[in-house]
Amino acid sequence: MSAEIRRIITIVEETRIEGGRPVDPPTRRAAAVAVIKNPYAGQFVEDLSELSDIGEQLGDILPRRAVEALGIPGDTVESFGKAAAVGANGELEHAAAILHPKLGAPFREILGKGAALIPSSKKRGGLGVPLDIPLGHKDAAKVRSHFDGMEVRVPDAPRDDEIVVAIAVTDSGRPHPRVGGLAKDQIKGEDGLV
């Protein structure tokens, strides 16, 4: 099954001043968001593999859009994350079926790596519900400077029979990080932790 996509939105944020101090170079993050029809809205279905296939499709489309919006090669992306919100007639498991089994492999392929787990969140909500996309370093989960998030929302979604699916990528960590922990120049990137 292919996704029935109603809308795709791409957002880029650039932080130039944080805490009253210039950020040089500016930190940038981008999100790509798809609004899709939920084929299982209003019904309980045991086998959600069609949603997992849709996740695989979106795992190719959305990261390409976000990386392109940042204007950098995929292998220079530093952080990533994913989120989904189902409309009122959907289940949280519908969001999980899109986000977890198959979305990650094409996402990582576009980035050239991605040893760490892709942080994720899921929720149910109505029109304009905010999605907080958690972010973490793509190769080492213990890099505190990259613990972050990006909020996105689509004013007219999700409708009751829709799912909003979002991914985010960054070109750096938070502006002016200073809470310690593993530094990005210490990453081994082998086990997804350090």
N, C-alpha and C. Protein backbone atom coordinates (compact mmCIF):
# COMPACT_ATOMS: atom_id res chain seq x y z
N MET A 1 0.85 -1.18 0.00
CA MET A 1 0.00 0.00 0.00
C MET A 1 0.89 1.24 0.00
N SER A 2 0.57 2.18 -0.85
CA SER A 2 1.26 3.46 -0.86
C SER A 2 0.49 4.45 0.00
N ALA A 3 1.24 5.38 0.55
CA ALA A 3 0.62 6.42 1.36
C ALA A 3 -0.26 7.31 0.50
N GLU A 4 -1.44 7.63 1.01
CA GLU A 4 -2.28 8.65 0.39
C GLU A 4 -1.94 9.96 1.09
N ILE A 5 -1.07 10.72 0.44
CA ILE A 5 -0.52 11.93 1.05
C ILE A 5 -1.35 13.14 0.64
N ARG A 6 -1.91 13.84 1.62
CA ARG A 6 -2.68 15.05 1.34
C ARG A 6 -1.79 16.28 1.26
N ARG A 7 -0.80 16.35 2.15
CA ARG A 7 0.09 17.52 2.18
C ARG A 7 1.48 17.10 2.62
N ILE A 8 2.48 17.83 2.14
CA ILE A 8 3.85 17.73 2.68
C ILE A 8 4.30 19.16 2.97
N ILE A 9 4.82 19.36 4.16
CA ILE A 9 5.29 20.67 4.59
C ILE A 9 6.75 20.52 4.99
N THR A 10 7.57 21.48 4.60
CA THR A 10 8.98 21.49 4.99
C THR A 10 9.25 22.80 5.72
N ILE A 11 9.93 22.70 6.87
CA ILE A 11 10.19 23.85 7.72
C ILE A 11 11.68 23.89 8.04
N VAL A 12 12.27 25.08 7.97
CA VAL A 12 13.66 25.27 8.38
C VAL A 12 13.70 26.34 9.46
N GLU A 13 14.40 26.05 10.56
CA GLU A 13 14.63 27.01 11.63
C GLU A 13 16.11 27.32 11.68
N GLU A 14 16.45 28.59 11.86
CA GLU A 14 17.84 29.00 11.99
C GLU A 14 17.97 29.89 13.21
N THR A 15 18.81 29.49 14.15
CA THR A 15 19.02 30.29 15.36
C THR A 15 20.30 31.09 15.21
N ARG A 16 20.16 32.42 15.28
CA ARG A 16 21.30 33.33 15.13
C ARG A 16 21.72 33.98 16.44
N ILE A 17 20.79 34.08 17.37
CA ILE A 17 21.09 34.63 18.69
C ILE A 17 20.40 33.76 19.72
N GLU A 18 21.14 33.35 20.74
CA GLU A 18 20.59 32.53 21.83
C GLU A 18 21.19 33.06 23.13
N GLY A 19 20.36 33.29 24.11
CA GLY A 19 20.85 33.79 25.39
C GLY A 19 21.50 35.16 25.26
N GLY A 20 21.05 35.94 24.26
CA GLY A 20 21.61 37.26 24.05
C GLY A 20 22.97 37.26 23.37
N ARG A 21 23.45 36.10 22.95
CA ARG A 21 24.76 36.00 22.31
C ARG A 21 24.61 35.48 20.89
N PRO A 22 25.44 36.00 19.98
CA PRO A 22 25.40 35.50 18.60
C PRO A 22 25.74 34.01 18.53
N VAL A 23 25.13 33.33 17.61
CA VAL A 23 25.43 31.93 17.32
C VAL A 23 26.11 31.92 15.95
N ASP A 24 27.39 31.59 15.94
CA ASP A 24 28.17 31.66 14.71
C ASP A 24 29.02 30.40 14.56
N PRO A 25 28.71 29.57 13.59
CA PRO A 25 27.64 29.75 12.60
C PRO A 25 26.27 29.45 13.23
N PRO A 26 25.21 29.98 12.62
CA PRO A 26 23.87 29.71 13.15
C PRO A 26 23.59 28.21 13.18
N THR A 27 22.80 27.77 14.17
CA THR A 27 22.37 26.37 14.20
C THR A 27 21.10 26.26 13.35
N ARG A 28 21.01 25.15 12.63
CA ARG A 28 19.88 24.98 11.73
C ARG A 28 19.27 23.60 11.90
N ARG A 29 17.96 23.58 11.83
CA ARG A 29 17.24 22.31 11.86
C ARG A 29 16.09 22.40 10.88
N ALA A 30 15.75 21.25 10.32
CA ALA A 30 14.67 21.20 9.34
C ALA A 30 13.76 20.03 9.65
N ALA A 31 12.48 20.23 9.38
CA ALA A 31 11.50 19.15 9.52
C ALA A 31 10.75 19.01 8.21
N ALA A 32 10.41 17.78 7.91
CA ALA A 32 9.52 17.49 6.79
C ALA A 32 8.34 16.72 7.37
N VAL A 33 7.14 17.15 7.02
CA VAL A 33 5.91 16.64 7.62
C VAL A 33 4.97 16.19 6.51
N ALA A 34 4.42 15.00 6.66
CA ALA A 34 3.41 14.50 5.72
C ALA A 34 2.09 14.30 6.45
N VAL A 35 1.03 14.68 5.80
CA VAL A 35 -0.33 14.42 6.29
C VAL A 35 -0.89 13.32 5.40
N ILE A 36 -1.16 12.17 6.01
CA ILE A 36 -1.62 11.02 5.23
C ILE A 36 -2.96 10.50 5.73
N LYS A 37 -3.64 9.81 4.86
CA LYS A 37 -4.89 9.14 5.24
C LYS A 37 -4.53 7.91 6.06
N ASN A 38 -5.26 7.71 7.14
CA ASN A 38 -5.08 6.52 7.97
C ASN A 38 -6.01 5.43 7.44
N PRO A 39 -5.47 4.40 6.78
CA PRO A 39 -6.34 3.37 6.20
C PRO A 39 -7.09 2.54 7.24
N TYR A 40 -6.68 2.63 8.50
CA TYR A 40 -7.31 1.84 9.55
C TYR A 40 -8.10 2.69 10.54
N ALA A 41 -8.37 3.93 10.21
CA ALA A 41 -9.12 4.81 11.11
C ALA A 41 -10.49 4.19 11.42
N GLY A 42 -10.84 4.17 12.70
CA GLY A 42 -12.15 3.70 13.12
C GLY A 42 -12.33 2.21 13.16
N GLN A 43 -11.26 1.45 12.97
CA GLN A 43 -11.38 -0.01 13.01
C GLN A 43 -10.16 -0.63 13.66
N PHE A 44 -10.35 -1.75 14.32
CA PHE A 44 -9.22 -2.47 14.89
C PHE A 44 -8.77 -3.50 13.87
N VAL A 45 -7.49 -3.45 13.52
CA VAL A 45 -6.91 -4.39 12.56
C VAL A 45 -5.69 -5.01 13.23
N GLU A 46 -5.60 -6.30 13.21
CA GLU A 46 -4.48 -6.99 13.87
C GLU A 46 -3.16 -6.79 13.15
N ASP A 47 -3.16 -6.92 11.83
CA ASP A 47 -1.93 -6.84 11.03
C ASP A 47 -1.76 -5.41 10.51
N LEU A 48 -0.78 -4.70 11.04
CA LEU A 48 -0.54 -3.30 10.65
C LEU A 48 0.62 -3.16 9.67
N SER A 49 0.95 -4.24 8.98
CA SER A 49 2.12 -4.21 8.09
C SER A 49 1.98 -3.20 6.95
N GLU A 50 0.76 -2.91 6.53
CA GLU A 50 0.61 -1.90 5.47
C GLU A 50 1.04 -0.52 5.96
N LEU A 51 0.79 -0.22 7.24
CA LEU A 51 1.27 1.04 7.80
C LEU A 51 2.80 1.04 7.89
N SER A 52 3.38 -0.10 8.20
CA SER A 52 4.85 -0.19 8.23
C SER A 52 5.43 0.06 6.84
N ASP A 53 4.76 -0.44 5.81
CA ASP A 53 5.21 -0.18 4.44
C ASP A 53 5.11 1.31 4.11
N ILE A 54 4.05 1.96 4.59
CA ILE A 54 3.91 3.40 4.41
C ILE A 54 5.06 4.12 5.14
N GLY A 55 5.41 3.63 6.33
CA GLY A 55 6.54 4.19 7.06
C GLY A 55 7.83 4.11 6.26
N GLU A 56 8.04 3.00 5.60
CA GLU A 56 9.24 2.85 4.76
C GLU A 56 9.23 3.86 3.62
N GLN A 57 8.08 4.05 3.00
CA GLN A 57 7.96 5.03 1.92
C GLN A 57 8.25 6.44 2.44
N LEU A 58 7.67 6.80 3.58
CA LEU A 58 7.89 8.13 4.15
C LEU A 58 9.32 8.29 4.65
N GLY A 59 9.96 7.18 5.06
CA GLY A 59 11.35 7.21 5.49
C GLY A 59 12.31 7.54 4.38
N ASP A 60 11.84 7.45 3.16
CA ASP A 60 12.64 7.87 2.00
C ASP A 60 12.29 9.30 1.59
N ILE A 61 11.01 9.60 1.56
CA ILE A 61 10.55 10.92 1.07
C ILE A 61 10.91 12.04 2.04
N LEU A 62 10.54 11.91 3.30
CA LEU A 62 10.66 13.02 4.24
C LEU A 62 12.11 13.40 4.55
N PRO A 63 13.01 12.46 4.85
CA PRO A 63 14.40 12.87 5.10
C PRO A 63 15.04 13.56 3.89
N ARG A 64 14.72 13.11 2.70
CA ARG A 64 15.27 13.77 1.50
C ARG A 64 14.85 15.24 1.47
N ARG A 65 13.58 15.48 1.76
CA ARG A 65 13.07 16.86 1.77
C ARG A 65 13.77 17.71 2.83
N ALA A 66 13.92 17.15 4.03
CA ALA A 66 14.52 17.91 5.13
C ALA A 66 16.00 18.20 4.87
N VAL A 67 16.74 17.21 4.41
CA VAL A 67 18.16 17.40 4.11
C VAL A 67 18.33 18.42 2.99
N GLU A 68 17.50 18.30 1.98
CA GLU A 68 17.55 19.27 0.88
C GLU A 68 17.26 20.68 1.38
N ALA A 69 16.32 20.83 2.29
CA ALA A 69 15.99 22.14 2.84
C ALA A 69 17.15 22.74 3.62
N LEU A 70 17.94 21.88 4.29
CA LEU A 70 19.12 22.38 5.00
C LEU A 70 20.23 22.74 4.02
N GLY A 71 20.20 22.15 2.84
CA GLY A 71 21.21 22.46 1.83
C GLY A 71 22.57 21.87 2.15
N ILE A 72 22.58 20.72 2.84
CA ILE A 72 23.85 20.06 3.18
C ILE A 72 23.80 18.61 2.72
N PRO A 73 24.97 17.98 2.56
CA PRO A 73 24.95 16.55 2.24
C PRO A 73 24.36 15.74 3.41
N GLY A 74 23.69 14.67 3.11
CA GLY A 74 23.07 13.85 4.14
C GLY A 74 24.04 13.35 5.18
N ASP A 75 25.27 13.05 4.78
CA ASP A 75 26.22 12.51 5.75
C ASP A 75 26.76 13.56 6.73
N THR A 76 26.43 14.84 6.52
CA THR A 76 26.85 15.88 7.46
C THR A 76 25.74 16.24 8.46
N VAL A 77 24.57 15.63 8.32
CA VAL A 77 23.50 15.81 9.32
C VAL A 77 24.02 15.29 10.65
N GLU A 78 23.74 16.02 11.74
CA GLU A 78 24.23 15.60 13.05
C GLU A 78 23.17 14.95 13.93
N SER A 79 21.94 15.46 13.91
CA SER A 79 20.88 14.91 14.75
C SER A 79 19.68 14.53 13.92
N PHE A 80 18.89 13.62 14.49
CA PHE A 80 17.65 13.23 13.83
C PHE A 80 16.59 12.86 14.84
N GLY A 81 15.34 12.81 14.36
CA GLY A 81 14.22 12.43 15.19
C GLY A 81 12.98 12.23 14.34
N LYS A 82 11.94 11.64 14.94
CA LYS A 82 10.71 11.37 14.21
C LYS A 82 9.53 11.44 15.18
N ALA A 83 8.34 11.73 14.65
CA ALA A 83 7.14 11.82 15.48
C ALA A 83 5.92 11.61 14.60
N ALA A 84 4.82 11.25 15.24
CA ALA A 84 3.56 11.09 14.52
C ALA A 84 2.40 11.40 15.46
N ALA A 85 1.33 11.92 14.87
CA ALA A 85 0.09 12.16 15.61
C ALA A 85 -1.06 11.57 14.80
N VAL A 86 -1.86 10.75 15.45
CA VAL A 86 -3.04 10.18 14.80
C VAL A 86 -4.25 11.04 15.15
N GLY A 87 -5.19 11.09 14.22
CA GLY A 87 -6.45 11.78 14.49
C GLY A 87 -7.32 10.97 15.42
N ALA A 88 -8.48 11.51 15.75
CA ALA A 88 -9.36 10.94 16.78
C ALA A 88 -9.77 9.49 16.51
N ASN A 89 -9.87 9.08 15.26
CA ASN A 89 -10.29 7.72 14.95
C ASN A 89 -9.13 6.75 14.78
N GLY A 90 -7.93 7.21 15.10
CA GLY A 90 -6.75 6.35 15.00
C GLY A 90 -6.30 5.85 16.35
N GLU A 91 -5.38 4.90 16.33
CA GLU A 91 -4.77 4.34 17.54
C GLU A 91 -3.31 4.77 17.60
N LEU A 92 -2.77 4.85 18.81
CA LEU A 92 -1.35 5.11 18.95
C LEU A 92 -0.52 4.05 18.24
N GLU A 93 -1.04 2.84 18.19
CA GLU A 93 -0.32 1.75 17.52
C GLU A 93 -0.19 2.00 16.02
N HIS A 94 -1.12 2.78 15.46
CA HIS A 94 -1.00 3.15 14.04
C HIS A 94 0.24 4.02 13.84
N ALA A 95 0.44 4.97 14.75
CA ALA A 95 1.64 5.82 14.68
C ALA A 95 2.89 4.97 14.86
N ALA A 96 2.86 4.03 15.80
CA ALA A 96 4.01 3.16 16.05
C ALA A 96 4.33 2.31 14.83
N ALA A 97 3.30 1.82 14.15
CA ALA A 97 3.52 0.98 12.97
C ALA A 97 4.20 1.76 11.85
N ILE A 98 3.94 3.05 11.76
CA ILE A 98 4.60 3.87 10.75
C ILE A 98 6.03 4.19 11.17
N LEU A 99 6.22 4.55 12.43
CA LEU A 99 7.52 5.05 12.88
C LEU A 99 8.59 3.98 13.10
N HIS A 100 8.20 2.79 13.56
CA HIS A 100 9.23 1.90 14.07
C HIS A 100 9.74 0.78 13.16
N PRO A 101 8.93 -0.07 12.59
CA PRO A 101 9.55 -1.21 11.92
C PRO A 101 10.41 -0.88 10.70
N LYS A 102 9.99 0.10 9.85
CA LYS A 102 10.68 0.26 8.58
C LYS A 102 11.11 1.68 8.23
N LEU A 103 10.65 2.69 8.92
CA LEU A 103 10.98 4.08 8.55
C LEU A 103 12.47 4.36 8.72
N GLY A 104 13.12 3.74 9.69
CA GLY A 104 14.51 4.06 10.02
C GLY A 104 15.53 3.68 8.96
N ALA A 105 15.37 2.55 8.30
CA ALA A 105 16.39 2.09 7.35
C ALA A 105 16.61 3.08 6.20
N PRO A 106 15.56 3.53 5.49
CA PRO A 106 15.81 4.50 4.43
C PRO A 106 16.29 5.84 4.97
N PHE A 107 15.82 6.23 6.14
CA PHE A 107 16.25 7.47 6.78
C PHE A 107 17.77 7.43 6.98
N ARG A 108 18.26 6.35 7.57
CA ARG A 108 19.69 6.20 7.80
C ARG A 108 20.49 6.16 6.50
N GLU A 109 19.93 5.50 5.50
CA GLU A 109 20.61 5.41 4.20
C GLU A 109 20.84 6.80 3.62
N ILE A 110 19.85 7.67 3.73
CA ILE A 110 19.97 9.04 3.21
C ILE A 110 21.06 9.80 3.98
N LEU A 111 21.22 9.50 5.26
CA LEU A 111 22.21 10.18 6.08
C LEU A 111 23.58 9.52 6.02
N GLY A 112 23.68 8.38 5.38
CA GLY A 112 24.96 7.70 5.25
C GLY A 112 25.37 6.93 6.49
N LYS A 113 24.65 7.06 7.56
CA LYS A 113 24.91 6.33 8.79
C LYS A 113 23.72 6.55 9.71
N GLY A 114 23.95 6.46 10.99
CA GLY A 114 22.89 6.64 11.96
C GLY A 114 22.87 5.47 12.91
N ALA A 115 23.97 5.29 13.64
CA ALA A 115 24.11 4.15 14.53
C ALA A 115 23.18 4.22 15.74
N ALA A 116 22.78 5.41 16.14
CA ALA A 116 21.93 5.57 17.33
C ALA A 116 20.46 5.29 16.99
N LEU A 117 19.69 4.95 18.02
CA LEU A 117 18.25 4.84 17.84
C LEU A 117 17.70 6.21 17.46
N ILE A 118 16.72 6.24 16.60
CA ILE A 118 16.10 7.51 16.22
C ILE A 118 15.08 7.86 17.29
N PRO A 119 15.29 8.97 18.02
CA PRO A 119 14.30 9.34 19.04
C PRO A 119 12.93 9.54 18.40
N SER A 120 11.88 9.19 19.14
CA SER A 120 10.54 9.30 18.55
C SER A 120 9.50 9.66 19.60
N SER A 121 8.39 10.17 19.11
CA SER A 121 7.23 10.41 19.97
C SER A 121 5.98 10.18 19.14
N LYS A 122 4.91 9.87 19.83
CA LYS A 122 3.63 9.67 19.16
C LYS A 122 2.51 10.12 20.07
N LYS A 123 1.41 10.55 19.47
CA LYS A 123 0.28 11.03 20.26
C LYS A 123 -0.98 11.00 19.42
N ARG A 124 -2.10 11.24 20.08
CA ARG A 124 -3.38 11.41 19.40
C ARG A 124 -3.78 12.86 19.61
N GLY A 125 -4.37 13.46 18.59
CA GLY A 125 -4.79 14.84 18.74
C GLY A 125 -5.63 15.30 17.58
N GLY A 126 -6.16 16.51 17.73
CA GLY A 126 -7.00 17.10 16.70
C GLY A 126 -6.24 18.08 15.83
N LEU A 127 -6.99 18.84 15.07
CA LEU A 127 -6.41 19.78 14.15
C LEU A 127 -5.41 20.69 14.84
N GLY A 128 -4.23 20.82 14.26
CA GLY A 128 -3.21 21.72 14.77
C GLY A 128 -2.46 21.23 15.99
N VAL A 129 -2.64 19.97 16.37
CA VAL A 129 -1.93 19.46 17.55
C VAL A 129 -0.42 19.60 17.33
N PRO A 130 0.30 20.12 18.32
CA PRO A 130 1.75 20.24 18.15
C PRO A 130 2.43 18.88 18.27
N LEU A 131 3.40 18.67 17.42
CA LEU A 131 4.26 17.49 17.50
C LEU A 131 5.61 17.96 18.01
N ASP A 132 6.09 17.38 19.08
CA ASP A 132 7.44 17.65 19.56
C ASP A 132 8.32 16.52 19.06
N ILE A 133 9.14 16.83 18.07
CA ILE A 133 10.03 15.82 17.51
C ILE A 133 11.30 15.79 18.35
N PRO A 134 11.53 14.72 19.10
CA PRO A 134 12.76 14.66 19.90
C PRO A 134 13.96 14.49 18.98
N LEU A 135 15.08 15.09 19.36
CA LEU A 135 16.29 15.01 18.56
C LEU A 135 17.43 14.44 19.39
N GLY A 136 18.27 13.67 18.74
CA GLY A 136 19.49 13.14 19.35
C GLY A 136 20.53 12.95 18.26
N HIS A 137 21.79 12.90 18.67
CA HIS A 137 22.87 12.72 17.68
C HIS A 137 22.65 11.42 16.93
N LYS A 138 22.86 11.44 15.63
CA LYS A 138 22.54 10.28 14.81
C LYS A 138 23.46 9.08 15.05
N ASP A 139 24.67 9.32 15.57
CA ASP A 139 25.62 8.21 15.73
C ASP A 139 25.95 7.87 17.17
N ALA A 140 25.59 8.74 18.12
CA ALA A 140 25.96 8.50 19.52
C ALA A 140 24.92 9.12 20.44
N ALA A 141 24.11 8.29 21.06
CA ALA A 141 23.00 8.76 21.90
C ALA A 141 23.45 9.54 23.13
N LYS A 142 24.70 9.40 23.54
CA LYS A 142 25.16 10.06 24.77
C LYS A 142 25.74 11.45 24.55
N VAL A 143 25.58 12.02 23.39
CA VAL A 143 26.09 13.37 23.12
C VAL A 143 25.03 14.37 23.58
N ARG A 144 25.21 14.90 24.81
CA ARG A 144 24.20 15.77 25.42
C ARG A 144 23.97 17.06 24.65
N SER A 145 24.97 17.56 23.97
CA SER A 145 24.82 18.81 23.22
C SER A 145 23.77 18.70 22.13
N HIS A 146 23.38 17.49 21.79
CA HIS A 146 22.42 17.26 20.72
C HIS A 146 21.05 16.80 21.23
N PHE A 147 20.87 16.73 22.57
CA PHE A 147 19.54 16.44 23.11
C PHE A 147 18.70 17.69 22.86
N ASP A 148 17.69 17.58 22.05
CA ASP A 148 16.93 18.76 21.65
C ASP A 148 15.55 18.32 21.17
N GLY A 149 14.85 19.22 20.57
CA GLY A 149 13.55 18.92 20.00
C GLY A 149 13.13 20.02 19.05
N MET A 150 12.21 19.70 18.21
CA MET A 150 11.67 20.67 17.26
C MET A 150 10.16 20.52 17.25
N GLU A 151 9.46 21.62 17.47
CA GLU A 151 8.00 21.58 17.46
C GLU A 151 7.49 21.95 16.07
N VAL A 152 6.55 21.16 15.58
CA VAL A 152 5.88 21.45 14.32
C VAL A 152 4.39 21.24 14.50
N ARG A 153 3.62 21.89 13.68
CA ARG A 153 2.18 21.66 13.67
C ARG A 153 1.64 21.99 12.29
N VAL A 154 0.54 21.34 11.94
CA VAL A 154 -0.14 21.60 10.68
C VAL A 154 -1.55 22.05 11.07
N PRO A 155 -1.91 23.29 10.77
CA PRO A 155 -3.18 23.84 11.26
C PRO A 155 -4.42 23.01 10.94
N ASP A 156 -4.43 22.34 9.79
CA ASP A 156 -5.64 21.60 9.41
C ASP A 156 -5.47 20.08 9.51
N ALA A 157 -4.59 19.63 10.38
CA ALA A 157 -4.34 18.19 10.48
C ALA A 157 -3.86 17.84 11.89
N PRO A 158 -4.11 16.59 12.32
CA PRO A 158 -4.74 15.53 11.56
C PRO A 158 -6.26 15.59 11.67
N ARG A 159 -6.91 15.34 10.57
CA ARG A 159 -8.35 15.11 10.62
C ARG A 159 -8.56 13.76 11.30
N ASP A 160 -9.80 13.45 11.64
CA ASP A 160 -10.07 12.23 12.40
C ASP A 160 -9.51 10.97 11.75
N ASP A 161 -9.45 10.96 10.41
CA ASP A 161 -9.00 9.78 9.68
C ASP A 161 -7.60 9.97 9.08
N GLU A 162 -6.78 10.80 9.73
CA GLU A 162 -5.45 11.08 9.19
C GLU A 162 -4.36 10.82 10.24
N ILE A 163 -3.14 10.79 9.73
CA ILE A 163 -1.95 10.71 10.57
C ILE A 163 -0.98 11.77 10.06
N VAL A 164 -0.41 12.53 10.99
CA VAL A 164 0.66 13.47 10.65
C VAL A 164 1.97 12.79 11.03
N VAL A 165 2.88 12.69 10.07
CA VAL A 165 4.17 12.04 10.27
C VAL A 165 5.26 13.06 10.01
N ALA A 166 6.20 13.19 10.94
CA ALA A 166 7.24 14.21 10.81
C ALA A 166 8.61 13.63 11.14
N ILE A 167 9.61 14.11 10.43
CA ILE A 167 11.00 13.82 10.78
C ILE A 167 11.73 15.16 10.87
N ALA A 168 12.81 15.17 11.63
CA ALA A 168 13.62 16.38 11.73
C ALA A 168 15.09 15.99 11.69
N VAL A 169 15.89 16.90 11.13
CA VAL A 169 17.34 16.74 11.07
C VAL A 169 18.00 18.08 11.40
N THR A 170 19.25 18.03 11.87
CA THR A 170 19.96 19.26 12.20
C THR A 170 21.36 19.25 11.58
N ASP A 171 21.94 20.44 11.52
CA ASP A 171 23.33 20.54 11.07
C ASP A 171 24.28 20.72 12.24
N SER A 172 23.76 20.67 13.48
CA SER A 172 24.56 20.91 14.68
C SER A 172 23.74 20.56 15.90
N GLY A 173 24.35 20.77 17.08
CA GLY A 173 23.62 20.59 18.32
C GLY A 173 22.96 21.89 18.73
N ARG A 174 22.58 21.99 20.01
CA ARG A 174 21.98 23.21 20.53
C ARG A 174 22.97 24.37 20.47
N PRO A 175 22.47 25.59 20.39
CA PRO A 175 23.37 26.75 20.46
C PRO A 175 24.03 26.83 21.84
N HIS A 176 25.30 27.13 21.88
CA HIS A 176 26.06 27.34 23.12
C HIS A 176 25.90 26.20 24.13
N PRO A 177 26.10 24.93 23.74
CA PRO A 177 25.93 23.83 24.69
C PRO A 177 26.99 23.90 25.79
N ARG A 178 26.57 23.64 27.04
CA ARG A 178 27.53 23.68 28.14
C ARG A 178 27.07 22.86 29.34
N VAL A 179 26.45 21.70 29.07
CA VAL A 179 26.04 20.83 30.18
C VAL A 179 26.91 19.58 30.26
N GLY A 180 28.05 19.59 29.59
CA GLY A 180 28.99 18.48 29.69
C GLY A 180 28.58 17.25 28.90
N GLY A 181 29.22 16.14 29.25
CA GLY A 181 28.94 14.89 28.56
C GLY A 181 29.88 14.65 27.39
N LEU A 182 29.61 13.62 26.66
CA LEU A 182 30.41 13.24 25.50
C LEU A 182 30.36 14.34 24.46
N ALA A 183 31.51 14.81 24.01
CA ALA A 183 31.57 15.84 22.97
C ALA A 183 31.53 15.18 21.59
N LYS A 184 31.02 15.90 20.61
CA LYS A 184 30.86 15.28 19.28
C LYS A 184 32.19 14.87 18.66
N ASP A 185 33.28 15.53 19.04
CA ASP A 185 34.58 15.12 18.49
C ASP A 185 35.14 13.87 19.18
N GLN A 186 34.43 13.34 20.18
CA GLN A 186 34.82 12.10 20.87
C GLN A 186 34.00 10.89 20.41
N ILE A 187 33.09 11.10 19.49
CA ILE A 187 32.19 10.02 19.04
C ILE A 187 32.95 8.92 18.32
N LYS A 188 32.62 7.68 18.68
CA LYS A 188 33.14 6.52 17.96
C LYS A 188 32.12 6.08 16.91
N GLY A 189 30.83 6.21 17.23
CA GLY A 189 29.76 5.89 16.29
C GLY A 189 29.63 4.44 15.92
N GLU A 190 30.04 3.55 16.82
CA GLU A 190 29.98 2.13 16.51
C GLU A 190 28.78 1.43 17.12
N ASP A 191 28.46 1.77 18.36
CA ASP A 191 27.39 1.07 19.06
C ASP A 191 26.12 1.91 19.22
N GLY A 192 26.13 3.13 18.71
CA GLY A 192 24.96 4.01 18.83
C GLY A 192 24.90 4.75 20.15
N LEU A 193 25.81 4.46 21.07
CA LEU A 193 25.83 5.12 22.37
C LEU A 193 26.93 6.17 22.47
N VAL A 194 28.15 5.77 22.11
CA VAL A 194 29.30 6.70 22.19
C VAL A 194 30.03 6.81 20.85
